């Protein structure tokens, strides 16, 4: 078997089992509840808050919260997948295997990215039917491309927080805090321009911000040329976070060879 085919096969297979290990307990009801439940109730909360301040059109908030689904799938999901390897005692076996580290590490995100993309696509279709939005003015394929790119770039946050959770017992608290902060920082419930000026650079330094802006523009009928800059910026930011996450994981692996910190549960 050619090496490239062997690595691709290993990547897909171990990615599938890593994803199944996180949702192996779930039946269809609990799975879909975990995907849409928190998003639905957080959406209601922000809709009522918007009405309190005079925002009577909920579409901006509804679309924003649907586009935030990668925060749960790619950020929290990947973080839990990576962090649980140590918690359940599987990390030593992974580090002792001859499989390439790149394949093992990035395989933890593959099905979370695809799952996130499909969940957002379904959520957008539901929002279109419930709120009476019209497809005629939308560039739906471009919006889905923006969603896929956003899911990919958000995985970088998951890789970083997952690596941190390998050596920090409060890793889930860090992941949850970061995930919830995205509801404020990335323009999901109100424009980034509404934030204080000193916070706005933080927003543009995060994944999702440009992706959400591009998806909104596509849903308003924008063409590829109008959002190409936003998508390119989103990819660039995401690649930086993914690279940092991988570097952090490899650094922790090298440290573990000295002090064994990844072997203890």
C-alpha atoms as a PDB file:
ATOM      1  CA  UNK A   1       0.000   0.000   0.000  1.00  0.00           C
ATOM      2  CA  UNK A   2       1.477   3.415  -0.974  1.00  0.00           C
ATOM      3  CA  UNK A   3       2.452   5.548   2.067  1.00  0.00           C
ATOM      4  CA  UNK A   4       0.046   8.357   1.137  1.00  0.00           C
ATOM      5  CA  UNK A   5      -2.896   5.952   0.919  1.00  0.00           C
ATOM      6  CA  UNK A   6      -1.865   4.289   4.178  1.00  0.00           C
ATOM      7  CA  UNK A   7      -1.683   7.627   5.988  1.00  0.00           C
ATOM      8  CA  UNK A   8      -5.025   8.739   4.557  1.00  0.00           C
ATOM      9  CA  UNK A   9      -6.631   5.455   5.641  1.00  0.00           C
ATOM     10  CA  UNK A  10      -5.135   5.773   9.130  1.00  0.00           C
ATOM     11  CA  UNK A  11      -6.284   9.401   9.346  1.00  0.00           C
ATOM     12  CA  UNK A  12      -9.912   8.618   8.495  1.00  0.00           C
ATOM     13  CA  UNK A  13     -10.198   5.448  10.588  1.00  0.00           C
ATOM     14  CA  UNK A  14      -8.717   6.827  13.798  1.00  0.00           C
ATOM     15  CA  UNK A  15     -10.639  10.091  13.272  1.00  0.00           C
ATOM     16  CA  UNK A  16     -13.877   8.097  13.077  1.00  0.00           C
ATOM     17  CA  UNK A  17     -13.151   6.145  16.265  1.00  0.00           C
ATOM     18  CA  UNK A  18     -12.073   9.285  18.116  1.00  0.00           C
ATOM     19  CA  UNK A  19     -15.371  10.970  17.198  1.00  0.00           C
ATOM     20  CA  UNK A  20     -17.406   7.879  18.090  1.00  0.00           C
ATOM     21  CA  UNK A  21     -15.714   7.691  21.476  1.00  0.00           C
ATOM     22  CA  UNK A  22     -17.232  11.064  22.348  1.00  0.00           C
ATOM     23  CA  UNK A  23     -20.772  10.263  21.155  1.00  0.00           C
ATOM     24  CA  UNK A  24     -20.874   6.496  21.621  1.00  0.00           C
ATOM     25  CA  UNK A  25     -23.285   6.915  24.546  1.00  0.00           C
ATOM     26  CA  UNK A  26     -25.796   8.974  22.557  1.00  0.00           C
ATOM     27  CA  UNK A  27     -29.038   7.855  20.964  1.00  0.00           C
ATOM     28  CA  UNK A  28     -30.488  10.023  18.159  1.00  0.00           C
ATOM     29  CA  UNK A  29     -32.592  12.094  20.575  1.00  0.00           C
ATOM     30  CA  UNK A  30     -29.753  12.914  22.967  1.00  0.00           C
ATOM     31  CA  UNK A  31     -27.389  13.562  20.047  1.00  0.00           C
ATOM     32  CA  UNK A  32     -29.637  16.128  18.361  1.00  0.00           C
ATOM     33  CA  UNK A  33     -30.518  17.653  21.726  1.00  0.00           C
ATOM     34  CA  UNK A  34     -26.829  18.174  22.462  1.00  0.00           C
ATOM     35  CA  UNK A  35     -26.399  19.795  19.051  1.00  0.00           C
ATOM     36  CA  UNK A  36     -29.380  22.141  19.020  1.00  0.00           C
ATOM     37  CA  UNK A  37     -30.587  22.425  22.630  1.00  0.00           C
ATOM     38  CA  UNK A  38     -28.082  24.932  23.987  1.00  0.00           C
ATOM     39  CA  UNK A  39     -28.076  26.872  20.709  1.00  0.00           C
ATOM     40  CA  UNK A  40     -31.883  27.126  20.739  1.00  0.00           C
ATOM     41  CA  UNK A  41     -32.200  28.402  24.310  1.00  0.00           C
ATOM     42  CA  UNK A  42     -29.254  30.794  24.030  1.00  0.00           C
ATOM     43  CA  UNK A  43     -30.886  32.104  20.858  1.00  0.00           C
ATOM     44  CA  UNK A  44     -34.135  32.736  22.743  1.00  0.00           C
ATOM     45  CA  UNK A  45     -32.249  34.538  25.496  1.00  0.00           C
ATOM     46  CA  UNK A  46     -30.535  36.916  23.075  1.00  0.00           C
ATOM     47  CA  UNK A  47     -33.775  37.463  21.126  1.00  0.00           C
ATOM     48  CA  UNK A  48     -35.541  38.621  24.303  1.00  0.00           C
ATOM     49  CA  UNK A  49     -32.556  40.753  25.265  1.00  0.00           C
ATOM     50  CA  UNK A  50     -32.677  42.296  21.795  1.00  0.00           C
ATOM     51  CA  UNK A  51     -36.360  43.106  22.169  1.00  0.00           C
ATOM     52  CA  UNK A  52     -35.624  44.707  25.531  1.00  0.00           C
ATOM     53  CA  UNK A  53     -33.258  47.172  23.845  1.00  0.00           C
ATOM     54  CA  UNK A  54     -35.587  47.747  20.871  1.00  0.00           C
ATOM     55  CA  UNK A  55     -34.397  45.127  18.352  1.00  0.00           C
ATOM     56  CA  UNK A  56     -37.624  43.688  16.973  1.00  0.00           C
ATOM     57  CA  UNK A  57     -36.121  41.762  14.038  1.00  0.00           C
ATOM     58  CA  UNK A  58     -34.687  38.511  15.450  1.00  0.00           C
ATOM     59  CA  UNK A  59     -33.152  37.278  12.182  1.00  0.00           C
ATOM     60  CA  UNK A  60     -29.691  38.751  12.889  1.00  0.00           C
ATOM     61  CA  UNK A  61     -29.534  36.971  16.253  1.00  0.00           C
ATOM     62  CA  UNK A  62     -31.006  33.719  14.927  1.00  0.00           C
ATOM     63  CA  UNK A  63     -28.506  33.494  12.056  1.00  0.00           C
ATOM     64  CA  UNK A  64     -25.630  34.456  14.349  1.00  0.00           C
ATOM     65  CA  UNK A  65     -26.400  31.760  16.906  1.00  0.00           C
ATOM     66  CA  UNK A  66     -26.717  29.123  14.201  1.00  0.00           C
ATOM     67  CA  UNK A  67     -23.345  30.175  12.795  1.00  0.00           C
ATOM     68  CA  UNK A  68     -21.913  29.781  16.317  1.00  0.00           C
ATOM     69  CA  UNK A  69     -22.570  26.031  16.330  1.00  0.00           C
ATOM     70  CA  UNK A  70     -18.900  25.324  15.413  1.00  0.00           C
ATOM     71  CA  UNK A  71     -18.016  26.810  18.811  1.00  0.00           C
ATOM     72  CA  UNK A  72     -19.691  23.787  20.409  1.00  0.00           C
ATOM     73  CA  UNK A  73     -18.680  21.156  17.861  1.00  0.00           C
ATOM     74  CA  UNK A  74     -15.153  22.171  16.896  1.00  0.00           C
ATOM     75  CA  UNK A  75     -14.032  24.022  20.010  1.00  0.00           C
ATOM     76  CA  UNK A  76     -15.632  22.023  22.808  1.00  0.00           C
ATOM     77  CA  UNK A  77     -15.820  18.717  20.909  1.00  0.00           C
ATOM     78  CA  UNK A  78     -12.180  18.630  19.825  1.00  0.00           C
ATOM     79  CA  UNK A  79     -11.046  19.884  23.236  1.00  0.00           C
ATOM     80  CA  UNK A  80     -12.918  17.051  24.958  1.00  0.00           C
ATOM     81  CA  UNK A  81     -11.644  14.472  22.463  1.00  0.00           C
ATOM     82  CA  UNK A  82      -7.998  15.449  22.980  1.00  0.00           C
ATOM     83  CA  UNK A  83      -8.285  16.002  26.734  1.00  0.00           C
ATOM     84  CA  UNK A  84     -10.141  12.751  27.359  1.00  0.00           C
ATOM     85  CA  UNK A  85      -7.282  10.742  25.879  1.00  0.00           C
ATOM     86  CA  UNK A  86      -5.354  11.421  29.052  1.00  0.00           C
ATOM     87  CA  UNK A  87      -8.336  11.300  31.413  1.00  0.00           C
ATOM     88  CA  UNK A  88      -9.248   7.781  30.264  1.00  0.00           C
ATOM     89  CA  UNK A  89      -5.678   6.515  30.123  1.00  0.00           C
ATOM     90  CA  UNK A  90      -5.337   6.243  26.338  1.00  0.00           C
ATOM     91  CA  UNK A  91      -2.641   8.884  25.894  1.00  0.00           C
ATOM     92  CA  UNK A  92       0.281   6.580  26.711  1.00  0.00           C
ATOM     93  CA  UNK A  93      -0.815   4.104  24.040  1.00  0.00           C
ATOM     94  CA  UNK A  94      -1.193   6.840  21.459  1.00  0.00           C
ATOM     95  CA  UNK A  95       2.236   8.304  22.190  1.00  0.00           C
ATOM     96  CA  UNK A  96       3.760   4.840  22.124  1.00  0.00           C
ATOM     97  CA  UNK A  97       2.279   3.922  18.754  1.00  0.00           C
ATOM     98  CA  UNK A  98       4.363   4.208  15.563  1.00  0.00           C
ATOM     99  CA  UNK A  99       1.639   6.241  13.834  1.00  0.00           C
ATOM    100  CA  UNK A 100       2.643   9.737  12.634  1.00  0.00           C
ATOM    101  CA  UNK A 101       1.812  12.373  15.232  1.00  0.00           C
ATOM    102  CA  UNK A 102       0.348  14.722  12.622  1.00  0.00           C
ATOM    103  CA  UNK A 103      -2.185  12.109  11.540  1.00  0.00           C
ATOM    104  CA  UNK A 104      -3.142  11.290  15.136  1.00  0.00           C
ATOM    105  CA  UNK A 105      -3.487  14.905  16.240  1.00  0.00           C
ATOM    106  CA  UNK A 106      -5.398  16.355  13.298  1.00  0.00           C
ATOM    107  CA  UNK A 107      -7.591  13.301  13.019  1.00  0.00           C
ATOM    108  CA  UNK A 108      -9.253  14.396  16.246  1.00  0.00           C
ATOM    109  CA  UNK A 109     -10.931  17.229  14.353  1.00  0.00           C
ATOM    110  CA  UNK A 110     -12.063  15.728  11.044  1.00  0.00           C
ATOM    111  CA  UNK A 111     -15.546  14.508  11.940  1.00  0.00           C
ATOM    112  CA  UNK A 112     -16.169  17.410  14.319  1.00  0.00           C
ATOM    113  CA  UNK A 113     -15.604  19.767  11.382  1.00  0.00           C
ATOM    114  CA  UNK A 114     -17.919  17.783   9.099  1.00  0.00           C
ATOM    115  CA  UNK A 115     -20.499  17.368  11.858  1.00  0.00           C
ATOM    116  CA  UNK A 116     -20.404  21.090  12.557  1.00  0.00           C
ATOM    117  CA  UNK A 117     -20.865  21.938   8.882  1.00  0.00           C
ATOM    118  CA  UNK A 118     -23.879  19.640   8.505  1.00  0.00           C
ATOM    119  CA  UNK A 119     -25.438  20.893  11.754  1.00  0.00           C
ATOM    120  CA  UNK A 120     -25.154  24.526  10.661  1.00  0.00           C
ATOM    121  CA  UNK A 121     -26.554  23.687   7.219  1.00  0.00           C
ATOM    122  CA  UNK A 122     -29.586  22.012   8.800  1.00  0.00           C
ATOM    123  CA  UNK A 123     -29.964  24.895  11.271  1.00  0.00           C
ATOM    124  CA  UNK A 124     -29.977  27.449   8.448  1.00  0.00           C
ATOM    125  CA  UNK A 125     -32.629  25.499   6.554  1.00  0.00           C
ATOM    126  CA  UNK A 126     -34.780  25.348   9.701  1.00  0.00           C
ATOM    127  CA  UNK A 127     -34.343  29.092  10.255  1.00  0.00           C
ATOM    128  CA  UNK A 128     -35.329  29.786   6.653  1.00  0.00           C
ATOM    129  CA  UNK A 129     -38.540  27.786   7.068  1.00  0.00           C
ATOM    130  CA  UNK A 130     -39.465  29.148  10.521  1.00  0.00           C
ATOM    131  CA  UNK A 131     -38.731  32.821   9.904  1.00  0.00           C
ATOM    132  CA  UNK A 132     -39.892  32.924   6.303  1.00  0.00           C
ATOM    133  CA  UNK A 133     -36.581  33.906   4.763  1.00  0.00           C
ATOM    134  CA  UNK A 134     -36.435  33.675   0.992  1.00  0.00           C
ATOM    135  CA  UNK A 135     -33.823  31.728  -0.938  1.00  0.00           C
ATOM    136  CA  UNK A 136     -34.170  34.049  -3.911  1.00  0.00           C
ATOM    137  CA  UNK A 137     -31.888  36.707  -2.473  1.00  0.00           C
ATOM    138  CA  UNK A 138     -29.388  34.355  -0.862  1.00  0.00           C
ATOM    139  CA  UNK A 139     -26.105  33.008  -2.142  1.00  0.00           C
ATOM    140  CA  UNK A 140     -26.607  29.775  -0.208  1.00  0.00           C
ATOM    141  CA  UNK A 141     -23.660  27.792  -1.691  1.00  0.00           C
ATOM    142  CA  UNK A 142     -21.284  30.613  -0.763  1.00  0.00           C
ATOM    143  CA  UNK A 143     -22.783  30.778   2.736  1.00  0.00           C
ATOM    144  CA  UNK A 144     -22.170  27.040   3.151  1.00  0.00           C
ATOM    145  CA  UNK A 145     -18.581  27.500   1.962  1.00  0.00           C
ATOM    146  CA  UNK A 146     -18.123  30.198   4.612  1.00  0.00           C
ATOM    147  CA  UNK A 147     -19.604  27.840   7.214  1.00  0.00           C
ATOM    148  CA  UNK A 148     -17.212  25.031   6.217  1.00  0.00           C
ATOM    149  CA  UNK A 149     -14.208  27.369   6.393  1.00  0.00           C
ATOM    150  CA  UNK A 150     -15.382  28.691   9.763  1.00  0.00           C
ATOM    151  CA  UNK A 151     -15.728  25.159  11.140  1.00  0.00           C
ATOM    152  CA  UNK A 152     -12.202  24.379   9.937  1.00  0.00           C
ATOM    153  CA  UNK A 153     -10.672  27.498  11.474  1.00  0.00           C
ATOM    154  CA  UNK A 154     -12.527  27.100  14.778  1.00  0.00           C
ATOM    155  CA  UNK A 155     -10.877  23.691  15.154  1.00  0.00           C
ATOM    156  CA  UNK A 156      -7.664  25.579  15.930  1.00  0.00           C
ATOM    157  CA  UNK A 157      -9.176  26.785  19.197  1.00  0.00           C
ATOM    158  CA  UNK A 158     -10.177  23.197  19.967  1.00  0.00           C
ATOM    159  CA  UNK A 159      -6.655  21.913  19.369  1.00  0.00           C
ATOM    160  CA  UNK A 160      -5.201  24.574  21.666  1.00  0.00           C
ATOM    161  CA  UNK A 161      -7.673  24.100  24.522  1.00  0.00           C
ATOM    162  CA  UNK A 162      -7.449  20.321  24.121  1.00  0.00           C
ATOM    163  CA  UNK A 163      -3.672  20.463  24.502  1.00  0.00           C
ATOM    164  CA  UNK A 164      -4.023  22.726  27.529  1.00  0.00           C
ATOM    165  CA  UNK A 165      -6.488  20.296  29.104  1.00  0.00           C
ATOM    166  CA  UNK A 166      -3.833  17.572  28.906  1.00  0.00           C
ATOM    167  CA  UNK A 167      -1.888  19.299  31.678  1.00  0.00           C
ATOM    168  CA  UNK A 168      -4.594  21.315  33.426  1.00  0.00           C
ATOM    169  CA  UNK A 169      -7.409  19.839  35.506  1.00  0.00           C
ATOM    170  CA  UNK A 170      -9.473  22.967  34.780  1.00  0.00           C
ATOM    171  CA  UNK A 171      -9.262  22.482  31.020  1.00  0.00           C
ATOM    172  CA  UNK A 172     -13.034  22.138  30.636  1.00  0.00           C
ATOM    173  CA  UNK A 173     -13.601  25.362  32.562  1.00  0.00           C
ATOM    174  CA  UNK A 174     -11.186  27.166  30.233  1.00  0.00           C
ATOM    175  CA  UNK A 175     -12.917  25.693  27.190  1.00  0.00           C
ATOM    176  CA  UNK A 176     -16.392  26.633  28.452  1.00  0.00           C
ATOM    177  CA  UNK A 177     -15.330  30.186  29.285  1.00  0.00           C
ATOM    178  CA  UNK A 178     -13.783  30.663  25.851  1.00  0.00           C
ATOM    179  CA  UNK A 179     -16.803  29.121  24.123  1.00  0.00           C
ATOM    180  CA  UNK A 180     -19.233  31.443  25.905  1.00  0.00           C
ATOM    181  CA  UNK A 181     -17.060  34.500  25.261  1.00  0.00           C
ATOM    182  CA  UNK A 182     -17.483  33.905  21.527  1.00  0.00           C
ATOM    183  CA  UNK A 183     -21.182  34.784  21.879  1.00  0.00           C
ATOM    184  CA  UNK A 184     -20.007  38.328  22.590  1.00  0.00           C
ATOM    185  CA  UNK A 185     -16.750  38.695  20.678  1.00  0.00           C
ATOM    186  CA  UNK A 186     -17.308  37.344  17.152  1.00  0.00           C
ATOM    187  CA  UNK A 187     -20.345  39.319  16.001  1.00  0.00           C
ATOM    188  CA  UNK A 188     -22.957  36.617  16.434  1.00  0.00           C
ATOM    189  CA  UNK A 189     -25.540  38.607  18.373  1.00  0.00           C
ATOM    190  CA  UNK A 190     -24.454  42.154  17.525  1.00  0.00           C
ATOM    191  CA  UNK A 191     -21.868  43.662  15.170  1.00  0.00           C
ATOM    192  CA  UNK A 192     -18.237  43.774  16.234  1.00  0.00           C
ATOM    193  CA  UNK A 193     -18.384  47.533  15.669  1.00  0.00           C
ATOM    194  CA  UNK A 194     -20.749  47.770  18.676  1.00  0.00           C
ATOM    195  CA  UNK A 195     -17.982  46.549  21.000  1.00  0.00           C
ATOM    196  CA  UNK A 196     -15.599  48.979  22.740  1.00  0.00           C
ATOM    197  CA  UNK A 197     -12.773  49.989  20.443  1.00  0.00           C
ATOM    198  CA  UNK A 198     -10.126  48.285  22.562  1.00  0.00           C
ATOM    199  CA  UNK A 199     -12.009  44.960  22.344  1.00  0.00           C
ATOM    200  CA  UNK A 200     -12.472  44.974  18.567  1.00  0.00           C
ATOM    201  CA  UNK A 201      -8.843  43.914  17.785  1.00  0.00           C
ATOM    202  CA  UNK A 202      -9.429  40.877  20.017  1.00  0.00           C
ATOM    203  CA  UNK A 203     -12.497  39.993  17.959  1.00  0.00           C
ATOM    204  CA  UNK A 204     -10.613  40.185  14.676  1.00  0.00           C
ATOM    205  CA  UNK A 205      -7.795  38.068  16.130  1.00  0.00           C
ATOM    206  CA  UNK A 206     -10.246  35.216  16.781  1.00  0.00           C
ATOM    207  CA  UNK A 207     -11.487  32.577  14.338  1.00  0.00           C
ATOM    208  CA  UNK A 208     -15.168  32.824  13.339  1.00  0.00           C
ATOM    209  CA  UNK A 209     -15.385  36.629  13.235  1.00  0.00           C
ATOM    210  CA  UNK A 210     -14.615  37.018   9.528  1.00  0.00           C
ATOM    211  CA  UNK A 211     -16.334  33.732   8.687  1.00  0.00           C
ATOM    212  CA  UNK A 212     -19.591  34.869  10.276  1.00  0.00           C
ATOM    213  CA  UNK A 213     -19.340  38.204   8.478  1.00  0.00           C
ATOM    214  CA  UNK A 214     -18.805  36.400   5.160  1.00  0.00           C
ATOM    215  CA  UNK A 215     -21.724  34.018   5.790  1.00  0.00           C
ATOM    216  CA  UNK A 216     -24.034  36.922   6.637  1.00  0.00           C
ATOM    217  CA  UNK A 217     -22.977  38.749   3.475  1.00  0.00           C
ATOM    218  CA  UNK A 218     -23.615  35.620   1.389  1.00  0.00           C
ATOM    219  CA  UNK A 219     -27.064  35.201   2.930  1.00  0.00           C
ATOM    220  CA  UNK A 220     -27.721  38.808   1.906  1.00  0.00           C
ATOM    221  CA  UNK A 221     -26.809  37.933  -1.700  1.00  0.00           C
ATOM    222  CA  UNK A 222     -23.120  38.869  -1.877  1.00  0.00           C
ATOM    223  CA  UNK A 223     -20.896  37.209  -4.463  1.00  0.00           C
ATOM    224  CA  UNK A 224     -17.570  35.467  -3.933  1.00  0.00           C
ATOM    225  CA  UNK A 225     -15.548  38.529  -4.896  1.00  0.00           C
ATOM    226  CA  UNK A 226     -17.208  40.565  -2.163  1.00  0.00           C
ATOM    227  CA  UNK A 227     -16.298  38.126   0.614  1.00  0.00           C
ATOM    228  CA  UNK A 228     -13.023  36.685  -0.724  1.00  0.00           C
ATOM    229  CA  UNK A 229     -10.982  38.962   1.532  1.00  0.00           C
ATOM    230  CA  UNK A 230     -12.980  37.934   4.599  1.00  0.00           C
ATOM    231  CA  UNK A 231     -12.615  34.234   3.775  1.00  0.00           C
ATOM    232  CA  UNK A 232      -8.885  34.574   3.121  1.00  0.00           C
ATOM    233  CA  UNK A 233      -8.455  36.373   6.440  1.00  0.00           C
ATOM    234  CA  UNK A 234     -10.477  33.672   8.200  1.00  0.00           C
ATOM    235  CA  UNK A 235      -8.276  30.933   6.759  1.00  0.00           C
ATOM    236  CA  UNK A 236      -5.092  32.804   7.717  1.00  0.00           C
ATOM    237  CA  UNK A 237      -6.222  33.293  11.322  1.00  0.00           C
ATOM    238  CA  UNK A 238      -7.375  29.683  11.574  1.00  0.00           C
ATOM    239  CA  UNK A 239      -4.081  28.290  10.274  1.00  0.00           C
ATOM    240  CA  UNK A 240      -2.204  30.248  12.928  1.00  0.00           C
ATOM    241  CA  UNK A 241      -4.357  28.759  15.699  1.00  0.00           C
ATOM    242  CA  UNK A 242      -4.061  25.241  14.256  1.00  0.00           C
ATOM    243  CA  UNK A 243      -0.270  25.580  14.040  1.00  0.00           C
ATOM    244  CA  UNK A 244      -0.091  26.823  17.636  1.00  0.00           C
ATOM    245  CA  UNK A 245      -2.248  23.920  18.806  1.00  0.00           C
ATOM    246  CA  UNK A 246      -0.036  21.365  17.061  1.00  0.00           C
ATOM    247  CA  UNK A 247       3.161  22.979  18.342  1.00  0.00           C
ATOM    248  CA  UNK A 248       1.770  22.965  21.884  1.00  0.00           C
ATOM    249  CA  UNK A 249       0.832  19.286  21.643  1.00  0.00           C
ATOM    250  CA  UNK A 250       4.290  18.297  20.379  1.00  0.00           C
ATOM    251  CA  UNK A 251       5.974  20.425  23.053  1.00  0.00           C
ATOM    252  CA  UNK A 252       3.929  18.715  25.766  1.00  0.00           C
ATOM    253  CA  UNK A 253       4.805  15.333  24.274  1.00  0.00           C
ATOM    254  CA  UNK A 254       8.531  16.117  24.467  1.00  0.00           C
ATOM    255  CA  UNK A 255       8.158  17.358  28.043  1.00  0.00           C
ATOM    256  CA  UNK A 256       6.291  14.175  28.917  1.00  0.00           C
ATOM    257  CA  UNK A 257       9.255  12.068  27.809  1.00  0.00           C
ATOM    258  CA  UNK A 258      11.195  13.769  30.609  1.00  0.00           C
ATOM    259  CA  UNK A 259       8.704  14.017  33.469  1.00  0.00           C
ATOM    260  CA  UNK A 260       5.890  11.641  32.430  1.00  0.00           C
ATOM    261  CA  UNK A 261       3.174  14.267  32.978  1.00  0.00           C
ATOM    262  CA  UNK A 262       0.935  12.888  30.220  1.00  0.00           C
ATOM    263  CA  UNK A 263       1.056   9.365  31.647  1.00  0.00           C
ATOM    264  CA  UNK A 264      -0.698  10.197  34.927  1.00  0.00           C
ATOM    265  CA  UNK A 265      -4.494  10.232  35.023  1.00  0.00           C
END
